[in-house]
Amino acid sequence: MVTFRSIMDIAADEWLAAMKLDKEDIPDVVIVEGSWWRQQRTDWRLGYLSDVRELEFPDIFWGRWKDKKVAFCCAYGAARTVEIIHLFGVLGTKLAVQIGTCGGLQSHLKPGDIILPEVALCREGVAHMYGTPDAVIGSSEWIDRAQKLLQERNLTTYRGTHVTWSSLFTETPQMMEAWHHAGYLSVEMETATTFAVARYFDMHAVSMVVVWDDLTRGRRFLDPLPPGGEEALNKSNAAIYEVALQLSERLD
């Protein structure tokens, strides 16, 4: 008789042994960032932490922020993001924070504005496997906290409905126009996955994504930013990670 076993069935003790992570070192928060620039982002983010080490699985890092334990991974797209959130969800990590950049779908948005998705539409092909076939919500109290911390830095934030899509390369003008007219704020490739998997494991989840592409004006990330745009983008990209660390301080 053939016996099949799914990775979904692997328990916490097995994951801890595989990663060579002690039970008392289970992270309080896992932060995932969607970016092509993996090495740059990883170096930048890990510079905030102490006692940093790479776990047995590549590109998954553990470190300390004050009295909290932090996991960080630059995970581009839903197919990679699901692995990271699932793994730490099994372990019992309390908070999942998605950071990265997004395309703005409304004309009032500008580079450096920060989107805090309240609802993420699941169009990325993974979230439905975790019980959220159409849309999934973030954790409202953590969205409130993130927004307050960002606004204390005089950064512009918006909350609302966001689209998580499968690939930048398959976003058509017709799709973007439809999303715009539906009133959706932004689009990227990871938030719905993070929210759905976190919800499955009873984790809190919040997403902070910075507007880079100005889709209502036909400007993608390959095109030059408007005057002041690069400075605003860099400032917000730093802030979302710093706020993610601040949020970890609020965990019991």
Protein backbone atom coordinates (compact mmCIF):
# COMPACT_ATOMS: atom_id res chain seq x y z
CA MET A 1 0.00 0.00 0.00
CA VAL A 2 1.32 3.44 -0.96
CA THR A 3 1.14 6.09 1.75
CA PHE A 4 1.29 9.74 0.78
CA ARG A 5 2.17 12.49 3.20
CA SER A 6 1.71 16.20 2.56
CA ILE A 7 3.97 18.98 3.76
CA MET A 8 0.75 20.34 5.27
CA ASP A 9 1.01 17.42 7.73
CA ILE A 10 4.49 18.24 9.02
CA ALA A 11 4.28 19.23 12.68
CA ALA A 12 6.10 21.94 14.61
CA ASP A 13 8.67 19.62 16.19
CA GLU A 14 9.73 18.36 12.77
CA TRP A 15 10.14 21.88 11.41
CA LEU A 16 12.13 22.94 14.47
CA ALA A 17 14.47 19.98 14.04
CA ALA A 18 14.85 20.63 10.31
CA MET A 19 15.73 24.29 10.91
CA LYS A 20 17.86 23.53 13.99
CA LEU A 21 15.79 26.07 15.89
CA ASP A 22 15.15 25.66 19.61
CA LYS A 23 11.57 25.88 20.79
CA GLU A 24 12.36 28.90 22.97
CA ASP A 25 13.65 30.71 19.86
CA ILE A 26 10.39 30.55 17.91
CA PRO A 27 10.01 34.06 16.47
CA ASP A 28 7.42 36.46 17.85
CA VAL A 29 7.02 38.02 14.40
CA VAL A 30 7.76 36.96 10.84
CA ILE A 31 8.39 39.75 8.33
CA VAL A 32 8.26 38.94 4.63
CA GLU A 33 9.22 41.34 1.87
CA GLY A 34 8.36 40.95 -1.79
CA SER A 35 11.21 42.27 -3.93
CA TRP A 36 13.43 41.35 -6.87
CA TRP A 37 16.34 42.92 -5.02
CA ARG A 38 16.80 40.09 -2.55
CA GLN A 39 20.40 40.73 -1.44
CA GLN A 40 19.95 44.48 -1.11
CA ARG A 41 16.78 44.14 0.95
CA THR A 42 18.15 41.35 3.10
CA ASP A 43 21.32 43.27 3.95
CA TRP A 44 19.30 46.39 4.67
CA ARG A 45 16.76 44.68 6.94
CA LEU A 46 19.16 42.44 8.85
CA GLY A 47 21.28 45.45 9.74
CA TYR A 48 18.64 46.41 12.33
CA LEU A 49 18.84 43.08 14.17
CA SER A 50 21.29 41.49 16.57
CA ASP A 51 22.39 37.84 16.88
CA VAL A 52 21.44 37.29 13.24
CA ARG A 53 21.79 33.85 11.72
CA GLU A 54 20.52 32.10 8.63
CA LEU A 55 18.42 29.07 9.44
CA GLU A 56 18.95 25.70 7.78
CA PHE A 57 16.65 26.70 4.94
CA PRO A 58 18.23 29.31 2.63
CA ASP A 59 17.24 32.97 2.88
CA ILE A 60 15.29 32.56 6.12
CA PHE A 61 16.95 34.62 8.82
CA TRP A 62 16.50 34.81 12.59
CA GLY A 63 17.53 37.71 14.81
CA ARG A 64 16.65 39.82 17.81
CA TRP A 65 14.99 43.20 18.02
CA LYS A 66 15.16 44.40 21.64
CA ASP A 67 13.46 41.61 23.61
CA LYS A 68 11.65 40.15 20.60
CA LYS A 69 12.66 37.37 18.24
CA VAL A 70 12.26 38.13 14.53
CA ALA A 71 12.23 36.02 11.37
CA PHE A 72 12.85 37.76 8.06
CA CYS A 73 12.71 36.52 4.49
CA CYS A 74 12.71 38.31 1.15
CA ALA A 75 9.97 36.22 -0.44
CA TYR A 76 8.92 37.29 -3.93
CA GLY A 77 5.47 36.19 -5.06
CA ALA A 78 2.79 34.00 -3.56
CA ALA A 79 4.54 30.70 -4.24
CA ARG A 80 7.44 31.60 -1.94
CA THR A 81 5.47 33.69 0.55
CA VAL A 82 3.11 30.82 1.38
CA GLU A 83 6.05 28.66 2.46
CA ILE A 84 7.38 31.23 4.92
CA ILE A 85 4.07 32.14 6.53
CA HIS A 86 2.98 28.50 6.70
CA LEU A 87 6.21 27.41 8.32
CA PHE A 88 6.07 30.01 11.08
CA GLY A 89 2.33 29.60 11.42
CA VAL A 90 2.88 25.94 12.31
CA LEU A 91 5.47 27.02 14.90
CA GLY A 92 3.06 29.43 16.57
CA THR A 93 4.56 32.79 15.61
CA LYS A 94 2.09 35.46 16.72
CA LEU A 95 2.30 38.13 14.01
CA ALA A 96 2.93 38.11 10.25
CA VAL A 97 3.91 41.39 8.59
CA GLN A 98 3.98 41.79 4.82
CA ILE A 99 6.07 44.64 3.42
CA GLY A 100 7.11 45.63 -0.07
CA THR A 101 6.03 47.85 -2.94
CA CYS A 102 2.89 48.00 -5.05
CA GLY A 103 1.27 49.58 -8.04
CA GLY A 104 -1.12 52.45 -7.33
CA LEU A 105 -4.52 52.06 -8.97
CA GLN A 106 -6.02 55.45 -8.06
CA SER A 107 -4.92 58.78 -9.48
CA HIS A 108 -4.50 60.50 -6.10
CA LEU A 109 -1.74 58.08 -5.11
CA LYS A 110 1.90 59.03 -5.54
CA PRO A 111 5.25 57.29 -5.02
CA GLY A 112 6.02 56.87 -1.34
CA ASP A 113 2.39 56.70 -0.22
CA ILE A 114 1.78 53.64 1.95
CA ILE A 115 -1.16 51.30 1.43
CA LEU A 116 -2.54 49.40 4.42
CA PRO A 117 -4.84 46.79 2.86
CA GLU A 118 -7.94 46.10 4.91
CA VAL A 119 -9.25 43.60 2.36
CA ALA A 120 -7.04 41.73 -0.10
CA LEU A 121 -8.62 40.16 -3.16
CA CYS A 122 -7.20 36.66 -3.69
CA ARG A 123 -6.17 36.52 -7.33
CA GLU A 124 -2.74 34.97 -6.82
CA GLY A 125 -3.66 31.28 -6.90
CA VAL A 126 -2.70 30.25 -3.36
CA ALA A 127 -5.07 31.77 -0.79
CA HIS A 128 -7.98 29.55 -1.80
CA MET A 129 -6.03 26.54 -0.53
CA TYR A 130 -6.26 28.09 2.95
CA GLY A 131 -10.00 28.65 2.90
CA THR A 132 -10.25 32.14 1.41
CA PRO A 133 -11.29 31.74 -2.25
CA ASP A 134 -12.25 35.35 -2.98
CA ALA A 135 -11.02 37.87 -0.40
CA VAL A 136 -9.36 37.96 3.00
CA ILE A 137 -9.10 40.64 5.66
CA GLY A 138 -6.13 41.79 7.71
CA SER A 139 -6.11 42.21 11.49
CA SER A 140 -7.84 45.53 12.10
CA GLU A 141 -6.20 46.31 15.44
CA TRP A 142 -2.74 45.81 13.94
CA ILE A 143 -3.64 47.88 10.89
CA ASP A 144 -4.71 50.64 13.29
CA ARG A 145 -1.41 50.40 15.15
CA ALA A 146 0.63 50.41 11.95
CA GLN A 147 -1.23 53.42 10.60
CA LYS A 148 -0.71 55.38 13.81
CA LEU A 149 3.03 54.65 13.83
CA LEU A 150 3.38 55.60 10.16
CA GLN A 151 1.41 58.81 10.57
CA GLU A 152 3.58 59.76 13.54
CA ARG A 153 6.40 59.81 10.97
CA ASN A 154 4.37 62.21 8.79
CA LEU A 155 3.89 59.59 6.11
CA THR A 156 0.78 59.41 3.94
CA THR A 157 -1.28 56.25 4.40
CA TYR A 158 -4.41 54.86 2.75
CA ARG A 159 -6.61 51.95 3.78
CA GLY A 160 -9.02 49.99 1.64
CA THR A 161 -9.30 47.16 -0.86
CA HIS A 162 -6.16 45.80 -2.49
CA VAL A 163 -5.59 43.20 -5.23
CA THR A 164 -3.00 40.42 -4.98
CA TRP A 165 -2.25 39.16 -8.48
CA SER A 166 -0.06 36.27 -9.66
CA SER A 167 2.53 38.09 -11.78
CA LEU A 168 3.54 41.55 -12.91
CA PHE A 169 3.97 40.13 -16.38
CA THR A 170 0.32 39.15 -16.75
CA GLU A 171 -1.30 42.42 -15.61
CA THR A 172 -3.08 43.77 -18.69
CA PRO A 173 -4.24 47.37 -19.20
CA GLN A 174 -7.82 46.08 -19.22
CA MET A 175 -7.36 44.49 -15.80
CA MET A 176 -5.81 47.62 -14.33
CA GLU A 177 -8.59 49.79 -15.74
CA ALA A 178 -11.23 47.47 -14.25
CA TRP A 179 -9.48 47.48 -10.86
CA HIS A 180 -9.26 51.26 -10.98
CA HIS A 181 -12.96 51.67 -11.74
CA ALA A 182 -13.85 49.19 -9.00
CA GLY A 183 -12.12 51.51 -6.52
CA TYR A 184 -9.28 49.20 -5.55
CA LEU A 185 -6.29 51.06 -4.18
CA SER A 186 -3.33 48.97 -5.28
CA VAL A 187 -1.94 45.70 -6.57
CA GLU A 188 1.01 43.47 -5.67
CA MET A 189 1.81 39.76 -5.39
CA GLU A 190 1.93 38.66 -1.74
CA THR A 191 -0.54 40.28 0.68
CA ALA A 192 -3.56 38.02 0.14
CA THR A 193 -1.34 34.97 0.62
CA THR A 194 0.10 36.33 3.85
CA PHE A 195 -3.36 37.21 5.17
CA ALA A 196 -4.91 33.87 4.17
CA VAL A 197 -2.18 31.65 5.61
CA ALA A 198 -1.95 33.75 8.77
CA ARG A 199 -5.70 33.49 9.22
CA TYR A 200 -5.51 29.70 8.79
CA PHE A 201 -3.03 29.51 11.67
CA ASP A 202 -4.75 32.15 13.85
CA MET A 203 -1.89 34.60 13.44
CA HIS A 204 -2.36 38.36 13.40
CA ALA A 205 -1.47 39.84 10.01
CA VAL A 206 -0.84 43.30 8.62
CA SER A 207 0.51 44.53 5.30
CA MET A 208 2.30 47.80 4.54
CA VAL A 209 3.16 48.30 0.87
CA VAL A 210 4.67 51.40 -0.69
CA VAL A 211 3.36 52.84 -3.95
CA TRP A 212 6.02 52.62 -6.66
CA ASP A 213 4.26 52.04 -10.00
CA ASP A 214 1.88 54.84 -10.96
CA LEU A 215 -0.47 52.69 -13.00
CA THR A 216 -3.14 55.31 -13.70
CA ARG A 217 -0.51 57.32 -15.61
CA GLY A 218 1.09 54.34 -17.30
CA ARG A 219 4.31 54.56 -15.28
CA ARG A 220 5.85 51.23 -14.26
CA PHE A 221 8.87 50.78 -11.99
CA LEU A 222 11.22 50.79 -15.01
CA ASP A 223 10.23 54.39 -15.79
CA PRO A 224 11.79 57.43 -14.08
CA LEU A 225 10.16 58.61 -10.87
CA PRO A 226 8.73 62.13 -10.70
CA PRO A 227 10.72 64.82 -8.87
CA GLY A 228 11.07 63.86 -5.20
CA GLY A 229 9.71 60.38 -5.88
CA GLU A 230 12.91 58.46 -5.19
CA GLU A 231 13.41 60.18 -1.84
CA ALA A 232 9.80 59.52 -0.84
CA LEU A 233 10.03 55.88 -1.93
CA ASN A 234 13.23 55.27 0.01
CA LYS A 235 11.89 56.99 3.14
CA SER A 236 8.73 54.89 3.13
CA ASN A 237 10.60 51.66 2.35
CA ALA A 238 12.72 52.23 5.45
CA ALA A 239 9.71 53.19 7.57
CA ILE A 240 7.60 50.12 6.85
CA TYR A 241 10.32 47.81 8.17
CA GLU A 242 11.01 49.98 11.19
CA VAL A 243 7.29 50.04 11.97
CA ALA A 244 7.13 46.25 11.56
CA LEU A 245 9.78 46.01 14.28
CA GLN A 246 7.88 48.49 16.43
CA LEU A 247 4.76 46.37 16.05
CA SER A 248 6.63 43.38 17.42
CA GLU A 249 7.17 45.35 20.63
CA ARG A 250 3.39 45.39 21.15
CA LEU A 251 3.18 41.59 21.31
CA ASP A 252 2.62 40.00 24.71
